[in-house]
């Protein structure tokens, strides 16, 4: 797998508490947008997301954002 799978064509808009999270880069996780270990055996590694305070985020699920793990709207340009 050289290119991540598009998990969804919309961002995951969620409220998160302060702390550390592991965002899925491969698109295979059944727990999107977070890693469940499905990347094992691939070239992908999850990305650590650390929040200093509780906040609402829009996390990329198309895996094409230039602002990973945050959505930048690139999903709107997918074929």
PDB file of N, CA and C in Angstrom:
ATOM      1  N   UNK A   1       0.855  -1.174   0.000  1.00  0.00           N
ATOM      2  CA  UNK A   1       0.000   0.000   0.000  1.00  0.00           C
ATOM      3  C   UNK A   1       0.898   1.233   0.000  1.00  0.00           C
ATOM      4  N   UNK A   2       0.900   1.961  -1.087  1.00  0.00           N
ATOM      5  CA  UNK A   2       1.736   3.158  -1.159  1.00  0.00           C
ATOM      6  C   UNK A   2       0.931   4.435  -0.951  1.00  0.00           C
ATOM      7  N   UNK A   3      -0.355   4.381  -1.193  1.00  0.00           N
ATOM      8  CA  UNK A   3      -1.219   5.540  -0.993  1.00  0.00           C
ATOM      9  C   UNK A   3      -2.301   5.169   0.009  1.00  0.00           C
ATOM     10  N   UNK A   4      -2.566   6.075   0.926  1.00  0.00           N
ATOM     11  CA  UNK A   4      -3.579   5.821   1.949  1.00  0.00           C
ATOM     12  C   UNK A   4      -4.961   5.665   1.323  1.00  0.00           C
ATOM     13  N   UNK A   5      -5.767   4.817   1.937  1.00  0.00           N
ATOM     14  CA  UNK A   5      -7.149   4.621   1.506  1.00  0.00           C
ATOM     15  C   UNK A   5      -7.994   5.796   1.997  1.00  0.00           C
ATOM     16  N   UNK A   6      -8.893   6.274   1.162  1.00  0.00           N
ATOM     17  CA  UNK A   6      -9.820   7.330   1.561  1.00  0.00           C
ATOM     18  C   UNK A   6     -10.867   6.673   2.464  1.00  0.00           C
ATOM     19  N   UNK A   7     -10.858   7.025   3.740  1.00  0.00           N
ATOM     20  CA  UNK A   7     -11.807   6.438   4.687  1.00  0.00           C
ATOM     21  C   UNK A   7     -13.189   7.074   4.523  1.00  0.00           C
ATOM     22  N   UNK A   8     -13.220   8.390   4.379  1.00  0.00           N
ATOM     23  CA  UNK A   8     -14.459   9.157   4.185  1.00  0.00           C
ATOM     24  C   UNK A   8     -14.114  10.405   3.388  1.00  0.00           C
ATOM     25  N   UNK A   9     -15.103  10.975   2.741  1.00  0.00           N
ATOM     26  CA  UNK A   9     -14.898  12.210   1.966  1.00  0.00           C
ATOM     27  C   UNK A   9     -15.417  13.432   2.710  1.00  0.00           C
ATOM     28  N   UNK A  10     -15.518  13.307   4.011  1.00  0.00           N
ATOM     29  CA  UNK A  10     -15.894  14.418   4.896  1.00  0.00           C
ATOM     30  C   UNK A  10     -14.999  14.351   6.130  1.00  0.00           C
ATOM     31  N   UNK A  11     -14.733  15.484   6.772  1.00  0.00           N
ATOM     32  CA  UNK A  11     -13.914  15.440   7.987  1.00  0.00           C
ATOM     33  C   UNK A  11     -14.705  14.884   9.166  1.00  0.00           C
ATOM     34  N   UNK A  12     -13.991  14.390  10.148  1.00  0.00           N
ATOM     35  CA  UNK A  12     -14.604  13.976  11.412  1.00  0.00           C
ATOM     36  C   UNK A  12     -14.595  15.205  12.316  1.00  0.00           C
ATOM     37  N   UNK A  13     -15.766  15.781  12.542  1.00  0.00           N
ATOM     38  CA  UNK A  13     -15.877  16.972  13.394  1.00  0.00           C
ATOM     39  C   UNK A  13     -16.265  16.494  14.785  1.00  0.00           C
ATOM     40  N   UNK A  14     -15.316  16.609  15.718  1.00  0.00           N
ATOM     41  CA  UNK A  14     -15.529  16.053  17.050  1.00  0.00           C
ATOM     42  C   UNK A  14     -14.943  16.941  18.141  1.00  0.00           C
ATOM     43  N   UNK A  15     -15.538  16.824  19.327  1.00  0.00           N
ATOM     44  CA  UNK A  15     -15.038  17.485  20.525  1.00  0.00           C
ATOM     45  C   UNK A  15     -14.045  16.543  21.185  1.00  0.00           C
ATOM     46  N   UNK A  16     -12.829  17.025  21.418  1.00  0.00           N
ATOM     47  CA  UNK A  16     -11.823  16.209  22.079  1.00  0.00           C
ATOM     48  C   UNK A  16     -11.359  16.882  23.356  1.00  0.00           C
ATOM     49  N   UNK A  17     -11.069  16.070  24.352  1.00  0.00           N
ATOM     50  CA  UNK A  17     -10.500  16.578  25.591  1.00  0.00           C
ATOM     51  C   UNK A  17      -9.006  16.748  25.413  1.00  0.00           C
ATOM     52  N   UNK A  18      -8.411  17.601  26.232  1.00  0.00           N
ATOM     53  CA  UNK A  18      -6.961  17.771  26.204  1.00  0.00           C
ATOM     54  C   UNK A  18      -6.306  16.403  26.376  1.00  0.00           C
ATOM     55  N   UNK A  19      -5.225  16.188  25.648  1.00  0.00           N
ATOM     56  CA  UNK A  19      -4.517  14.913  25.746  1.00  0.00           C
ATOM     57  C   UNK A  19      -3.920  14.518  24.415  1.00  0.00           C
ATOM     58  N   UNK A  20      -3.430  13.281  24.352  1.00  0.00           N
ATOM     59  CA  UNK A  20      -2.781  12.769  23.151  1.00  0.00           C
ATOM     60  C   UNK A  20      -3.672  11.746  22.456  1.00  0.00           C
ATOM     61  N   UNK A  21      -3.678  11.805  21.140  1.00  0.00           N
ATOM     62  CA  UNK A  21      -4.464  10.911  20.293  1.00  0.00           C
ATOM     63  C   UNK A  21      -3.582  10.436  19.146  1.00  0.00           C
ATOM     64  N   UNK A  22      -3.909   9.299  18.578  1.00  0.00           N
ATOM     65  CA  UNK A  22      -3.188   8.772  17.417  1.00  0.00           C
ATOM     66  C   UNK A  22      -4.129   8.764  16.225  1.00  0.00           C
ATOM     67  N   UNK A  23      -3.847   9.641  15.267  1.00  0.00           N
ATOM     68  CA  UNK A  23      -4.667   9.794  14.063  1.00  0.00           C
ATOM     69  C   UNK A  23      -4.217   8.787  13.017  1.00  0.00           C
ATOM     70  N   UNK A  24      -5.166   8.123  12.385  1.00  0.00           N
ATOM     71  CA  UNK A  24      -4.896   7.112  11.360  1.00  0.00           C
ATOM     72  C   UNK A  24      -4.420   7.769  10.079  1.00  0.00           C
ATOM     73  N   UNK A  25      -3.271   7.344   9.572  1.00  0.00           N
ATOM     74  CA  UNK A  25      -2.747   7.841   8.292  1.00  0.00           C
ATOM     75  C   UNK A  25      -3.062   6.909   7.133  1.00  0.00           C
ATOM     76  N   UNK A  26      -3.264   5.624   7.414  1.00  0.00           N
ATOM     77  CA  UNK A  26      -3.411   4.645   6.334  1.00  0.00           C
ATOM     78  C   UNK A  26      -4.827   4.582   5.758  1.00  0.00           C
ATOM     79  N   UNK A  27      -5.826   4.974   6.549  1.00  0.00           N
ATOM     80  CA  UNK A  27      -7.211   4.927   6.097  1.00  0.00           C
ATOM     81  C   UNK A  27      -7.888   3.584   6.316  1.00  0.00           C
ATOM     82  N   UNK A  28      -7.174   2.618   6.884  1.00  0.00           N
ATOM     83  CA  UNK A  28      -7.718   1.269   7.077  1.00  0.00           C
ATOM     84  C   UNK A  28      -8.368   1.054   8.442  1.00  0.00           C
ATOM     85  N   UNK A  29      -8.149   1.934   9.390  1.00  0.00           N
ATOM     86  CA  UNK A  29      -8.681   1.770  10.740  1.00  0.00           C
ATOM     87  C   UNK A  29     -10.207   1.683  10.729  1.00  0.00           C
ATOM     88  N   UNK A  30     -10.740   0.812  11.539  1.00  0.00           N
ATOM     89  CA  UNK A  30     -12.195   0.699  11.717  1.00  0.00           C
ATOM     90  C   UNK A  30     -12.670   1.699  12.773  1.00  0.00           C
ATOM     91  N   UNK A  31     -11.733   2.447  13.354  1.00  0.00           N
ATOM     92  CA  UNK A  31     -12.023   3.409  14.415  1.00  0.00           C
ATOM     93  C   UNK A  31     -11.695   4.828  13.940  1.00  0.00           C
ATOM     94  N   UNK A  32     -11.991   5.149  12.673  1.00  0.00           N
ATOM     95  CA  UNK A  32     -11.670   6.456  12.086  1.00  0.00           C
ATOM     96  C   UNK A  32     -12.235   7.585  12.931  1.00  0.00           C
ATOM     97  N   UNK A  33     -11.488   8.651  13.073  1.00  0.00           N
ATOM     98  CA  UNK A  33     -10.240   8.984  12.410  1.00  0.00           C
ATOM     99  C   UNK A  33      -9.009   8.523  13.192  1.00  0.00           C
ATOM    100  N   UNK A  34      -9.222   7.667  14.197  1.00  0.00           N
ATOM    101  CA  UNK A  34      -8.127   7.255  15.061  1.00  0.00           C
ATOM    102  C   UNK A  34      -7.586   5.876  14.673  1.00  0.00           C
ATOM    103  N   UNK A  35      -6.345   5.648  15.032  1.00  0.00           N
ATOM    104  CA  UNK A  35      -5.641   4.414  14.692  1.00  0.00           C
ATOM    105  C   UNK A  35      -6.153   3.239  15.533  1.00  0.00           C
ATOM    106  N   UNK A  36      -6.304   2.087  14.887  1.00  0.00           N
ATOM    107  CA  UNK A  36      -6.613   0.843  15.593  1.00  0.00           C
ATOM    108  C   UNK A  36      -5.554  -0.227  15.336  1.00  0.00           C
ATOM    109  N   UNK A  37      -4.437   0.165  14.715  1.00  0.00           N
ATOM    110  CA  UNK A  37      -3.354  -0.761  14.442  1.00  0.00           C
ATOM    111  C   UNK A  37      -3.432  -1.427  13.081  1.00  0.00           C
ATOM    112  N   UNK A  38      -4.405  -1.064  12.260  1.00  0.00           N
ATOM    113  CA  UNK A  38      -4.576  -1.684  10.942  1.00  0.00           C
ATOM    114  C   UNK A  38      -3.407  -1.413   9.998  1.00  0.00           C
ATOM    115  N   UNK A  39      -2.570  -0.448  10.313  1.00  0.00           N
ATOM    116  CA  UNK A  39      -1.426  -0.106   9.466  1.00  0.00           C
ATOM    117  C   UNK A  39      -0.290  -1.132   9.568  1.00  0.00           C
ATOM    118  N   UNK A  40      -0.352  -2.019  10.535  1.00  0.00           N
ATOM    119  CA  UNK A  40       0.746  -2.987  10.724  1.00  0.00           C
ATOM    120  C   UNK A  40       1.008  -3.742   9.427  1.00  0.00           C
ATOM    121  N   UNK A  41       2.272  -3.832   9.058  1.00  0.00           N
ATOM    122  CA  UNK A  41       2.658  -4.498   7.827  1.00  0.00           C
ATOM    123  C   UNK A  41       2.665  -3.581   6.617  1.00  0.00           C
ATOM    124  N   UNK A  42       2.426  -2.284   6.830  1.00  0.00           N
ATOM    125  CA  UNK A  42       2.440  -1.301   5.746  1.00  0.00           C
ATOM    126  C   UNK A  42       3.558  -0.295   6.009  1.00  0.00           C
ATOM    127  N   UNK A  43       3.705   0.670   5.127  1.00  0.00           N
ATOM    128  CA  UNK A  43       4.686   1.739   5.309  1.00  0.00           C
ATOM    129  C   UNK A  43       4.137   2.899   6.135  1.00  0.00           C
ATOM    130  N   UNK A  44       2.897   2.795   6.596  1.00  0.00           N
ATOM    131  CA  UNK A  44       2.248   3.886   7.324  1.00  0.00           C
ATOM    132  C   UNK A  44       2.448   3.774   8.824  1.00  0.00           C
ATOM    133  N   UNK A  45       2.497   4.918   9.472  1.00  0.00           N
ATOM    134  CA  UNK A  45       2.529   5.031  10.921  1.00  0.00           C
ATOM    135  C   UNK A  45       1.489   6.071  11.309  1.00  0.00           C
ATOM    136  N   UNK A  46       0.817   5.894  12.452  1.00  0.00           N
ATOM    137  CA  UNK A  46      -0.143   6.913  12.874  1.00  0.00           C
ATOM    138  C   UNK A  46       0.567   8.203  13.259  1.00  0.00           C
ATOM    139  N   UNK A  47      -0.188   9.286  13.268  1.00  0.00           N
ATOM    140  CA  UNK A  47       0.355  10.596  13.636  1.00  0.00           C
ATOM    141  C   UNK A  47      -0.182  10.979  15.010  1.00  0.00           C
ATOM    142  N   UNK A  48       0.723  11.396  15.866  1.00  0.00           N
ATOM    143  CA  UNK A  48       0.327  11.830  17.206  1.00  0.00           C
ATOM    144  C   UNK A  48      -0.278  13.233  17.128  1.00  0.00           C
ATOM    145  N   UNK A  49      -1.414  13.403  17.762  1.00  0.00           N
ATOM    146  CA  UNK A  49      -2.089  14.694  17.884  1.00  0.00           C
ATOM    147  C   UNK A  49      -2.185  14.996  19.370  1.00  0.00           C
ATOM    148  N   UNK A  50      -1.604  16.108  19.795  1.00  0.00           N
ATOM    149  CA  UNK A  50      -1.637  16.494  21.205  1.00  0.00           C
ATOM    150  C   UNK A  50      -2.396  17.807  21.335  1.00  0.00           C
ATOM    151  N   UNK A  51      -3.399  17.801  22.183  1.00  0.00           N
ATOM    152  CA  UNK A  51      -4.198  19.005  22.449  1.00  0.00           C
ATOM    153  C   UNK A  51      -3.911  19.489  23.863  1.00  0.00           C
ATOM    154  N   UNK A  52      -3.623  20.747  23.993  1.00  0.00           N
ATOM    155  CA  UNK A  52      -3.329  21.343  25.302  1.00  0.00           C
ATOM    156  C   UNK A  52      -4.602  21.695  26.067  1.00  0.00           C
ATOM    157  N   UNK A  53      -5.712  21.805  25.340  1.00  0.00           N
ATOM    158  CA  UNK A  53      -6.993  22.131  25.984  1.00  0.00           C
ATOM    159  C   UNK A  53      -8.111  21.447  25.213  1.00  0.00           C
ATOM    160  N   UNK A  54      -9.268  21.302  25.853  1.00  0.00           N
ATOM    161  CA  UNK A  54     -10.426  20.727  25.182  1.00  0.00           C
ATOM    162  C   UNK A  54     -10.785  21.610  24.000  1.00  0.00           C
ATOM    163  N   UNK A  55     -11.139  20.981  22.861  1.00  0.00           N
ATOM    164  CA  UNK A  55     -11.555  21.789  21.713  1.00  0.00           C
ATOM    165  C   UNK A  55     -12.228  20.930  20.655  1.00  0.00           C
ATOM    166  N   UNK A  56     -12.943  21.604  19.780  1.00  0.00           N
ATOM    167  CA  UNK A  56     -13.592  20.968  18.638  1.00  0.00           C
ATOM    168  C   UNK A  56     -12.597  20.976  17.481  1.00  0.00           C
ATOM    169  N   UNK A  57     -12.460  19.833  16.813  1.00  0.00           N
ATOM    170  CA  UNK A  57     -11.529  19.709  15.690  1.00  0.00           C
ATOM    171  C   UNK A  57     -12.237  19.098  14.488  1.00  0.00           C
ATOM    172  N   UNK A  58     -11.699  19.345  13.310  1.00  0.00           N
ATOM    173  CA  UNK A  58     -12.159  18.708  12.069  1.00  0.00           C
ATOM    174  C   UNK A  58     -10.964  17.911  11.549  1.00  0.00           C
ATOM    175  N   UNK A  59     -10.994  16.599  11.769  1.00  0.00           N
ATOM    176  CA  UNK A  59      -9.874  15.745  11.399  1.00  0.00           C
ATOM    177  C   UNK A  59     -10.091  15.128  10.025  1.00  0.00           C
ATOM    178  N   UNK A  60      -9.040  15.136   9.238  1.00  0.00           N
ATOM    179  CA  UNK A  60      -9.063  14.610   7.872  1.00  0.00           C
ATOM    180  C   UNK A  60      -9.375  13.115   7.869  1.00  0.00           C
ATOM    181  N   UNK A  61     -10.244  12.711   6.967  1.00  0.00           N
ATOM    182  CA  UNK A  61     -10.524  11.292   6.775  1.00  0.00           C
ATOM    183  C   UNK A  61     -10.241  10.849   5.338  1.00  0.00           C
ATOM    184  N   UNK A  62      -9.961  11.816   4.449  1.00  0.00           N
ATOM    185  CA  UNK A  62      -9.621  11.435   3.075  1.00  0.00           C
ATOM    186  C   UNK A  62      -8.134  11.115   2.953  1.00  0.00           C
ATOM    187  N   UNK A  63      -7.353  11.516   3.967  1.00  0.00           N
ATOM    188  CA  UNK A  63      -5.911  11.241   4.037  1.00  0.00           C
ATOM    189  C   UNK A  63      -5.109  11.967   2.970  1.00  0.00           C
ATOM    190  N   UNK A  64      -5.636  13.103   2.467  1.00  0.00           N
ATOM    191  CA  UNK A  64      -4.943  13.878   1.439  1.00  0.00           C
ATOM    192  C   UNK A  64      -4.651  15.313   1.870  1.00  0.00           C
ATOM    193  N   UNK A  65      -5.022  15.694   3.079  1.00  0.00           N
ATOM    194  CA  UNK A  65      -4.857  17.060   3.560  1.00  0.00           C
ATOM    195  C   UNK A  65      -3.389  17.476   3.611  1.00  0.00           C
ATOM    196  N   UNK A  66      -3.121  18.745   3.319  1.00  0.00           N
ATOM    197  CA  UNK A  66      -1.784  19.297   3.497  1.00  0.00           C
ATOM    198  C   UNK A  66      -1.566  19.764   4.939  1.00  0.00           C
ATOM    199  N   UNK A  67      -2.621  19.677   5.754  1.00  0.00           N
ATOM    200  CA  UNK A  67      -2.551  20.115   7.150  1.00  0.00           C
ATOM    201  C   UNK A  67      -2.834  18.961   8.111  1.00  0.00           C
ATOM    202  N   UNK A  68      -2.459  17.769   7.721  1.00  0.00           N
ATOM    203  CA  UNK A  68      -2.730  16.578   8.537  1.00  0.00           C
ATOM    204  C   UNK A  68      -2.293  16.782   9.977  1.00  0.00           C
ATOM    205  N   UNK A  69      -3.083  16.351  10.932  1.00  0.00           N
ATOM    206  CA  UNK A  69      -4.275  15.554  10.792  1.00  0.00           C
ATOM    207  C   UNK A  69      -5.555  16.359  10.578  1.00  0.00           C
ATOM    208  N   UNK A  70      -5.420  17.665  10.460  1.00  0.00           N
ATOM    209  CA  UNK A  70      -6.590  18.526  10.307  1.00  0.00           C
ATOM    210  C   UNK A  70      -7.050  18.585   8.851  1.00  0.00           C
ATOM    211  N   UNK A  71      -8.338  18.713   8.656  1.00  0.00           N
ATOM    212  CA  UNK A  71      -8.926  18.809   7.314  1.00  0.00           C
ATOM    213  C   UNK A  71      -8.606  20.164   6.693  1.00  0.00           C
ATOM    214  N   UNK A  72      -8.270  20.166   5.415  1.00  0.00           N
ATOM    215  CA  UNK A  72      -8.062  21.420   4.685  1.00  0.00           C
ATOM    216  C   UNK A  72      -9.019  21.536   3.496  1.00  0.00           C
ATOM    217  N   UNK A  73     -10.005  20.647   3.407  1.00  0.00           N
ATOM    218  CA  UNK A  73     -10.993  20.705   2.344  1.00  0.00           C
ATOM    219  C   UNK A  73     -10.618  19.972   1.072  1.00  0.00           C
ATOM    220  N   UNK A  74      -9.468  19.344   1.062  1.00  0.00           N
ATOM    221  CA  UNK A  74      -8.990  18.656  -0.148  1.00  0.00           C
ATOM    222  C   UNK A  74      -9.947  17.537  -0.591  1.00  0.00           C
ATOM    223  N   UNK A  75     -10.720  16.984   0.338  1.00  0.00           N
ATOM    224  CA  UNK A  75     -11.663  15.915  -0.012  1.00  0.00           C
ATOM    225  C   UNK A  75     -12.645  16.357  -1.083  1.00  0.00           C
ATOM    226  N   UNK A  76     -12.883  17.645  -1.200  1.00  0.00           N
ATOM    227  CA  UNK A  76     -13.797  18.176  -2.203  1.00  0.00           C
ATOM    228  C   UNK A  76     -13.247  18.112  -3.622  1.00  0.00           C
ATOM    229  N   UNK A  77     -11.966  17.782  -3.758  1.00  0.00           N
ATOM    230  CA  UNK A  77     -11.339  17.734  -5.076  1.00  0.00           C
ATOM    231  C   UNK A  77     -10.984  16.317  -5.510  1.00  0.00           C
ATOM    232  N   UNK A  78     -11.427  15.327  -4.744  1.00  0.00           N
ATOM    233  CA  UNK A  78     -11.141  13.937  -5.110  1.00  0.00           C
ATOM    234  C   UNK A  78     -12.039  13.503  -6.257  1.00  0.00           C
ATOM    235  N   UNK A  79     -11.525  12.602  -7.101  1.00  0.00           N
ATOM    236  CA  UNK A  79     -12.321  12.076  -8.226  1.00  0.00           C
ATOM    237  C   UNK A  79     -13.559  11.376  -7.742  1.00  0.00           C
TER     238      UNK A  79
END
